[in-house]
Amino acid sequence: MAFEDKTLTCVECGEEFTFSASDQEFHEGRGYQEPKRCPTCRQARRDTRSSSPYPERTMYDVVCANCGAATQVPFLPRQDRPVYCSDCYSKMRTSRPSRF
């Protein structure tokens, strides 16, 4: 099938853009429909959708109970439980026998 350049109108901004023959061939090969948005609006839409849907994680400053190094943890530490830096925690986990 021979493709020819088409002029389409963006549903987002109303501007006209060219849907090239090579783009049409690519879209057909992948089973895609004609684009509804111009390249600028498509990129803007991707940028807004790619941001994380999760809120920023709060980190808490603590001092490691083993080595005294300043570190951050993603949970609010309790006073009755020791908190370790990642290095000390890794060492403690590998030295403990498995429960299973």
N, C-alpha and C. Protein backbone atom coordinates (compact mmCIF):
# COMPACT_ATOMS: atom_id res chain seq x y z
N MET A 1 0.84 -1.17 0.00
CA MET A 1 0.00 0.00 0.00
C MET A 1 0.89 1.24 0.00
N ALA A 2 0.64 2.17 -0.88
CA ALA A 2 1.42 3.40 -0.98
C ALA A 2 0.86 4.44 -0.02
N PHE A 3 1.74 5.01 0.78
CA PHE A 3 1.33 6.02 1.74
C PHE A 3 1.73 7.40 1.23
N GLU A 4 0.91 8.39 1.55
CA GLU A 4 1.20 9.77 1.22
C GLU A 4 1.05 10.61 2.47
N ASP A 5 1.82 11.69 2.56
CA ASP A 5 1.73 12.57 3.72
C ASP A 5 0.31 13.09 3.88
N LYS A 6 -0.16 13.16 5.13
CA LYS A 6 -1.50 13.68 5.45
C LYS A 6 -1.35 14.86 6.39
N THR A 7 -2.26 15.78 6.28
CA THR A 7 -2.31 16.89 7.23
C THR A 7 -3.46 16.60 8.20
N LEU A 8 -3.13 16.50 9.49
CA LEU A 8 -4.12 16.22 10.52
C LEU A 8 -4.21 17.41 11.46
N THR A 9 -5.32 17.51 12.18
CA THR A 9 -5.52 18.57 13.15
C THR A 9 -5.45 17.99 14.56
N CYS A 10 -4.65 18.59 15.41
CA CYS A 10 -4.46 18.14 16.79
C CYS A 10 -5.73 18.41 17.60
N VAL A 11 -6.20 17.40 18.34
CA VAL A 11 -7.40 17.58 19.17
C VAL A 11 -7.09 18.38 20.42
N GLU A 12 -5.82 18.48 20.77
CA GLU A 12 -5.43 19.20 21.98
C GLU A 12 -5.29 20.70 21.74
N CYS A 13 -4.47 21.07 20.76
CA CYS A 13 -4.18 22.49 20.54
C CYS A 13 -4.83 23.06 19.28
N GLY A 14 -5.37 22.20 18.41
CA GLY A 14 -6.03 22.66 17.20
C GLY A 14 -5.10 22.98 16.04
N GLU A 15 -3.80 22.83 16.23
CA GLU A 15 -2.83 23.09 15.18
C GLU A 15 -2.80 21.94 14.18
N GLU A 16 -2.47 22.25 12.95
CA GLU A 16 -2.31 21.21 11.93
C GLU A 16 -0.89 20.67 11.98
N PHE A 17 -0.76 19.36 11.74
CA PHE A 17 0.56 18.74 11.68
C PHE A 17 0.57 17.70 10.59
N THR A 18 1.75 17.35 10.11
CA THR A 18 1.89 16.40 9.01
C THR A 18 2.11 15.00 9.57
N PHE A 19 1.29 14.09 9.10
CA PHE A 19 1.42 12.66 9.42
C PHE A 19 2.11 12.05 8.20
N SER A 20 3.44 11.92 8.30
CA SER A 20 4.25 11.54 7.13
C SER A 20 3.97 10.11 6.68
N ALA A 21 4.33 9.83 5.44
CA ALA A 21 4.14 8.50 4.87
C ALA A 21 4.91 7.45 5.66
N SER A 22 6.13 7.78 6.10
CA SER A 22 6.92 6.81 6.88
C SER A 22 6.28 6.56 8.25
N ASP A 23 5.71 7.62 8.86
CA ASP A 23 5.00 7.44 10.13
C ASP A 23 3.75 6.58 9.94
N GLN A 24 3.05 6.78 8.83
CA GLN A 24 1.85 5.99 8.55
C GLN A 24 2.21 4.51 8.41
N GLU A 25 3.30 4.26 7.71
CA GLU A 25 3.74 2.88 7.51
C GLU A 25 4.11 2.25 8.85
N PHE A 26 4.82 3.01 9.69
CA PHE A 26 5.19 2.53 11.02
C PHE A 26 3.94 2.22 11.85
N HIS A 27 2.97 3.15 11.87
CA HIS A 27 1.74 2.96 12.64
C HIS A 27 0.97 1.72 12.16
N GLU A 28 0.88 1.55 10.87
CA GLU A 28 0.14 0.40 10.35
C GLU A 28 0.85 -0.91 10.72
N GLY A 29 2.17 -0.91 10.63
CA GLY A 29 2.93 -2.11 10.97
C GLY A 29 2.76 -2.52 12.42
N ARG A 30 2.54 -1.56 13.30
CA ARG A 30 2.35 -1.83 14.72
C ARG A 30 0.88 -2.00 15.10
N GLY A 31 0.00 -1.71 14.16
CA GLY A 31 -1.44 -1.81 14.46
C GLY A 31 -1.98 -0.59 15.18
N TYR A 32 -1.25 0.54 15.12
CA TYR A 32 -1.69 1.76 15.78
C TYR A 32 -2.70 2.50 14.91
N GLN A 33 -3.49 3.37 15.58
CA GLN A 33 -4.42 4.24 14.86
C GLN A 33 -3.69 5.53 14.49
N GLU A 34 -4.35 6.37 13.69
CA GLU A 34 -3.79 7.67 13.37
C GLU A 34 -3.63 8.47 14.66
N PRO A 35 -2.56 9.26 14.76
CA PRO A 35 -2.40 10.08 15.97
C PRO A 35 -3.46 11.18 16.02
N LYS A 36 -3.91 11.48 17.22
CA LYS A 36 -4.90 12.53 17.42
C LYS A 36 -4.24 13.84 17.84
N ARG A 37 -2.99 13.73 18.32
CA ARG A 37 -2.28 14.89 18.83
C ARG A 37 -1.02 15.15 18.02
N CYS A 38 -0.63 16.41 17.95
CA CYS A 38 0.62 16.78 17.27
C CYS A 38 1.79 16.28 18.12
N PRO A 39 2.98 16.19 17.53
CA PRO A 39 4.14 15.69 18.30
C PRO A 39 4.41 16.47 19.59
N THR A 40 4.21 17.77 19.58
CA THR A 40 4.44 18.58 20.78
C THR A 40 3.47 18.20 21.89
N CYS A 41 2.18 18.08 21.55
CA CYS A 41 1.17 17.72 22.55
C CYS A 41 1.34 16.28 23.02
N ARG A 42 1.77 15.38 22.12
CA ARG A 42 2.02 13.99 22.51
C ARG A 42 3.14 13.92 23.54
N GLN A 43 4.22 14.68 23.31
CA GLN A 43 5.34 14.69 24.24
C GLN A 43 4.92 15.28 25.58
N ALA A 44 4.16 16.34 25.56
CA ALA A 44 3.68 16.96 26.80
C ALA A 44 2.81 15.98 27.58
N ARG A 45 1.98 15.23 26.88
CA ARG A 45 1.12 14.24 27.52
C ARG A 45 1.95 13.12 28.14
N ARG A 46 2.97 12.66 27.42
CA ARG A 46 3.86 11.62 27.96
C ARG A 46 4.57 12.11 29.22
N ASP A 47 5.02 13.36 29.18
CA ASP A 47 5.74 13.91 30.32
C ASP A 47 4.87 13.97 31.57
N THR A 48 3.60 14.33 31.41
CA THR A 48 2.72 14.41 32.58
C THR A 48 2.32 13.02 33.07
N ARG A 49 2.19 12.07 32.16
CA ARG A 49 1.80 10.71 32.56
C ARG A 49 2.95 9.93 33.15
N SER A 50 4.19 10.30 32.81
CA SER A 50 5.33 9.52 33.29
C SER A 50 5.74 9.88 34.70
N SER A 51 5.22 10.98 35.25
CA SER A 51 5.57 11.31 36.61
C SER A 51 4.92 10.30 37.55
N SER A 52 5.57 10.07 38.66
CA SER A 52 5.14 9.03 39.60
C SER A 52 3.77 9.35 40.19
N PRO A 53 2.88 8.37 40.26
CA PRO A 53 1.57 8.60 40.87
C PRO A 53 1.64 8.57 42.40
N TYR A 54 2.81 8.20 42.93
CA TYR A 54 2.98 8.09 44.37
C TYR A 54 3.55 9.39 44.94
N PRO A 55 3.12 9.76 46.14
CA PRO A 55 3.67 10.98 46.73
C PRO A 55 5.14 10.79 47.10
N GLU A 56 5.83 11.90 47.24
CA GLU A 56 7.24 11.87 47.64
C GLU A 56 7.36 11.17 48.99
N ARG A 57 8.31 10.27 49.10
CA ARG A 57 8.50 9.51 50.34
C ARG A 57 9.25 10.38 51.36
N THR A 58 8.73 10.42 52.59
CA THR A 58 9.38 11.16 53.66
C THR A 58 10.50 10.32 54.24
N MET A 59 11.67 10.94 54.35
CA MET A 59 12.81 10.26 54.93
C MET A 59 13.11 10.90 56.29
N TYR A 60 13.53 10.08 57.25
CA TYR A 60 13.82 10.55 58.60
C TYR A 60 15.30 10.39 58.89
N ASP A 61 15.89 11.44 59.48
CA ASP A 61 17.30 11.40 59.86
C ASP A 61 17.44 10.63 61.16
N VAL A 62 18.37 9.67 61.20
CA VAL A 62 18.63 8.87 62.39
C VAL A 62 20.14 8.64 62.52
N VAL A 63 20.52 8.11 63.67
CA VAL A 63 21.91 7.71 63.91
C VAL A 63 21.90 6.20 64.10
N CYS A 64 22.77 5.52 63.40
CA CYS A 64 22.85 4.06 63.46
C CYS A 64 23.16 3.62 64.89
N ALA A 65 22.41 2.67 65.40
CA ALA A 65 22.60 2.16 66.76
C ALA A 65 23.86 1.31 66.88
N ASN A 66 24.43 0.86 65.77
CA ASN A 66 25.61 0.01 65.80
C ASN A 66 26.90 0.81 65.62
N CYS A 67 26.99 1.59 64.54
CA CYS A 67 28.25 2.29 64.23
C CYS A 67 28.20 3.79 64.49
N GLY A 68 27.03 4.36 64.72
CA GLY A 68 26.91 5.78 65.02
C GLY A 68 26.88 6.69 63.80
N ALA A 69 26.78 6.11 62.61
CA ALA A 69 26.76 6.91 61.38
C ALA A 69 25.39 7.57 61.20
N ALA A 70 25.40 8.78 60.67
CA ALA A 70 24.14 9.47 60.35
C ALA A 70 23.60 8.86 59.06
N THR A 71 22.30 8.55 59.06
CA THR A 71 21.66 7.95 57.89
C THR A 71 20.21 8.39 57.83
N GLN A 72 19.50 7.97 56.80
CA GLN A 72 18.08 8.27 56.67
C GLN A 72 17.32 6.97 56.46
N VAL A 73 16.11 6.94 57.01
CA VAL A 73 15.24 5.77 56.85
C VAL A 73 13.86 6.23 56.40
N PRO A 74 13.12 5.36 55.69
CA PRO A 74 11.80 5.75 55.17
C PRO A 74 10.65 5.50 56.15
N PHE A 75 10.95 5.34 57.43
CA PHE A 75 9.90 5.11 58.43
C PHE A 75 10.22 5.95 59.66
N LEU A 76 9.21 6.24 60.44
CA LEU A 76 9.39 7.01 61.66
C LEU A 76 9.90 6.06 62.74
N PRO A 77 11.14 6.25 63.20
CA PRO A 77 11.70 5.33 64.18
C PRO A 77 10.98 5.43 65.53
N ARG A 78 10.88 4.30 66.19
CA ARG A 78 10.31 4.26 67.54
C ARG A 78 11.46 4.28 68.54
N GLN A 79 11.21 4.83 69.68
CA GLN A 79 12.26 4.98 70.69
C GLN A 79 12.72 3.65 71.27
N ASP A 80 11.85 2.66 71.28
CA ASP A 80 12.20 1.38 71.91
C ASP A 80 12.88 0.40 70.96
N ARG A 81 13.09 0.79 69.72
CA ARG A 81 13.70 -0.11 68.73
C ARG A 81 14.95 0.52 68.14
N PRO A 82 16.06 -0.23 68.02
CA PRO A 82 17.26 0.32 67.40
C PRO A 82 17.08 0.46 65.89
N VAL A 83 17.77 1.44 65.31
CA VAL A 83 17.73 1.66 63.86
C VAL A 83 19.17 1.57 63.37
N TYR A 84 19.37 0.87 62.25
CA TYR A 84 20.72 0.66 61.72
C TYR A 84 20.86 1.27 60.34
N CYS A 85 22.09 1.64 59.99
CA CYS A 85 22.37 2.09 58.63
C CYS A 85 22.31 0.87 57.72
N SER A 86 22.29 1.08 56.43
CA SER A 86 22.12 -0.05 55.50
C SER A 86 23.29 -1.04 55.58
N ASP A 87 24.51 -0.54 55.80
CA ASP A 87 25.67 -1.45 55.91
C ASP A 87 25.54 -2.36 57.13
N CYS A 88 25.25 -1.77 58.28
CA CYS A 88 25.12 -2.57 59.51
C CYS A 88 23.93 -3.52 59.42
N TYR A 89 22.86 -3.06 58.85
CA TYR A 89 21.68 -3.91 58.72
C TYR A 89 21.99 -5.12 57.83
N SER A 90 22.71 -4.88 56.73
CA SER A 90 23.08 -5.99 55.83
C SER A 90 23.95 -7.00 56.55
N LYS A 91 24.92 -6.51 57.32
CA LYS A 91 25.81 -7.42 58.06
C LYS A 91 25.04 -8.23 59.09
N MET A 92 24.11 -7.60 59.76
CA MET A 92 23.32 -8.30 60.78
C MET A 92 22.43 -9.36 60.15
N ARG A 93 21.87 -9.07 59.00
CA ARG A 93 20.98 -10.03 58.34
C ARG A 93 21.74 -11.25 57.87
N THR A 94 22.95 -11.07 57.34
CA THR A 94 23.71 -12.22 56.84
C THR A 94 24.29 -13.05 57.97
N SER A 95 24.51 -12.45 59.13
CA SER A 95 25.07 -13.21 60.26
C SER A 95 24.02 -13.99 61.04
N ARG A 96 22.75 -13.62 60.89
CA ARG A 96 21.67 -14.32 61.61
C ARG A 96 21.34 -15.62 60.91
N PRO A 97 21.07 -16.68 61.68
CA PRO A 97 20.65 -17.94 61.06
C PRO A 97 19.25 -17.82 60.49
N SER A 98 18.99 -18.55 59.45
CA SER A 98 17.70 -18.54 58.81
C SER A 98 16.66 -19.21 59.68
N ARG A 99 15.43 -18.70 59.64
CA ARG A 99 14.34 -19.27 60.44
C ARG A 99 13.76 -20.54 59.82
N PHE A 100 14.06 -20.81 58.60
CA PHE A 100 13.42 -21.91 57.89
C PHE A 100 14.32 -23.10 57.77
